[in-house]
Amino acid sequence: MRLNELLRLIAGVFVLLALFLGAAVHPYWNYFAAFVAVNLIQSAFTGWCPMMALLRKLGVQE
């Protein structure tokens, strides 16, 4: 998997996990889903995403 596809997969898993935990454990987990969404929105405007920087350091191909 390349960088963009892996980033989308991780973001989707994080959101689904946060929504599940928000329903099963505590509603505050929904703030984690909101954090992921806000991070995706800001990366669309700035071109910088912390997860992409981490994946690049781990050697994921562009």
Protein backbone atom coordinates (compact mmCIF):
# COMPACT_ATOMS: atom_id res chain seq x y z
CA MET A 1 0.00 0.00 0.00
CA ARG A 2 1.17 3.47 -0.75
CA LEU A 3 1.14 6.48 1.56
CA ASN A 4 -2.21 8.05 0.58
CA GLU A 5 -4.10 4.77 0.64
CA LEU A 6 -2.60 3.80 3.99
CA LEU A 7 -3.45 7.22 5.43
CA ARG A 8 -7.09 6.87 4.36
CA LEU A 9 -7.23 3.36 5.82
CA ILE A 10 -5.83 4.51 9.17
CA ALA A 11 -8.18 7.50 9.34
CA GLY A 12 -11.18 5.32 8.56
CA VAL A 13 -10.21 2.74 11.18
CA PHE A 14 -9.67 5.48 13.78
CA VAL A 15 -13.09 7.00 13.09
CA LEU A 16 -14.91 3.66 13.17
CA LEU A 17 -13.08 2.65 16.34
CA ALA A 18 -13.91 5.98 18.01
CA LEU A 19 -17.58 5.70 17.05
CA PHE A 20 -17.76 2.14 18.36
CA LEU A 21 -16.08 3.13 21.63
CA GLY A 22 -18.36 6.16 21.86
CA ALA A 23 -21.40 3.91 21.68
CA ALA A 24 -20.07 1.08 23.84
CA VAL A 25 -17.82 2.74 26.42
CA HIS A 26 -18.30 6.47 26.78
CA PRO A 27 -19.60 9.26 24.52
CA TYR A 28 -16.39 11.25 24.99
CA TRP A 29 -14.74 8.89 22.49
CA ASN A 30 -16.67 10.79 19.81
CA TYR A 31 -14.26 13.68 20.40
CA PHE A 32 -11.50 11.46 19.05
CA ALA A 33 -13.49 10.96 15.84
CA ALA A 34 -13.94 14.74 15.65
CA PHE A 35 -10.19 15.22 16.17
CA VAL A 36 -9.43 12.90 13.24
CA ALA A 37 -11.94 14.79 11.06
CA VAL A 38 -10.49 18.19 11.97
CA ASN A 39 -6.99 16.90 11.26
CA LEU A 40 -8.08 15.68 7.81
CA ILE A 41 -9.70 19.04 7.07
CA GLN A 42 -6.66 21.06 8.12
CA SER A 43 -4.35 18.79 6.11
CA ALA A 44 -6.47 19.47 3.01
CA PHE A 45 -5.73 23.18 3.37
CA THR A 46 -2.15 23.09 4.66
CA GLY A 47 -0.79 19.97 2.98
CA TRP A 48 0.72 18.80 6.29
CA CYS A 49 -0.50 15.81 8.26
CA PRO A 50 1.26 14.37 11.33
CA MET A 51 0.33 10.80 10.37
CA MET A 52 1.89 11.25 6.93
CA ALA A 53 5.10 12.47 8.54
CA LEU A 54 5.11 9.42 10.80
CA LEU A 55 4.42 7.03 7.92
CA ARG A 56 7.24 8.58 5.88
CA LYS A 57 9.64 8.07 8.79
CA LEU A 58 8.52 4.44 8.94
CA GLY A 59 9.50 4.06 5.27
CA VAL A 60 6.12 3.88 3.54
CA GLN A 61 6.44 4.59 -0.18
CA GLU A 62 4.89 7.67 -1.73
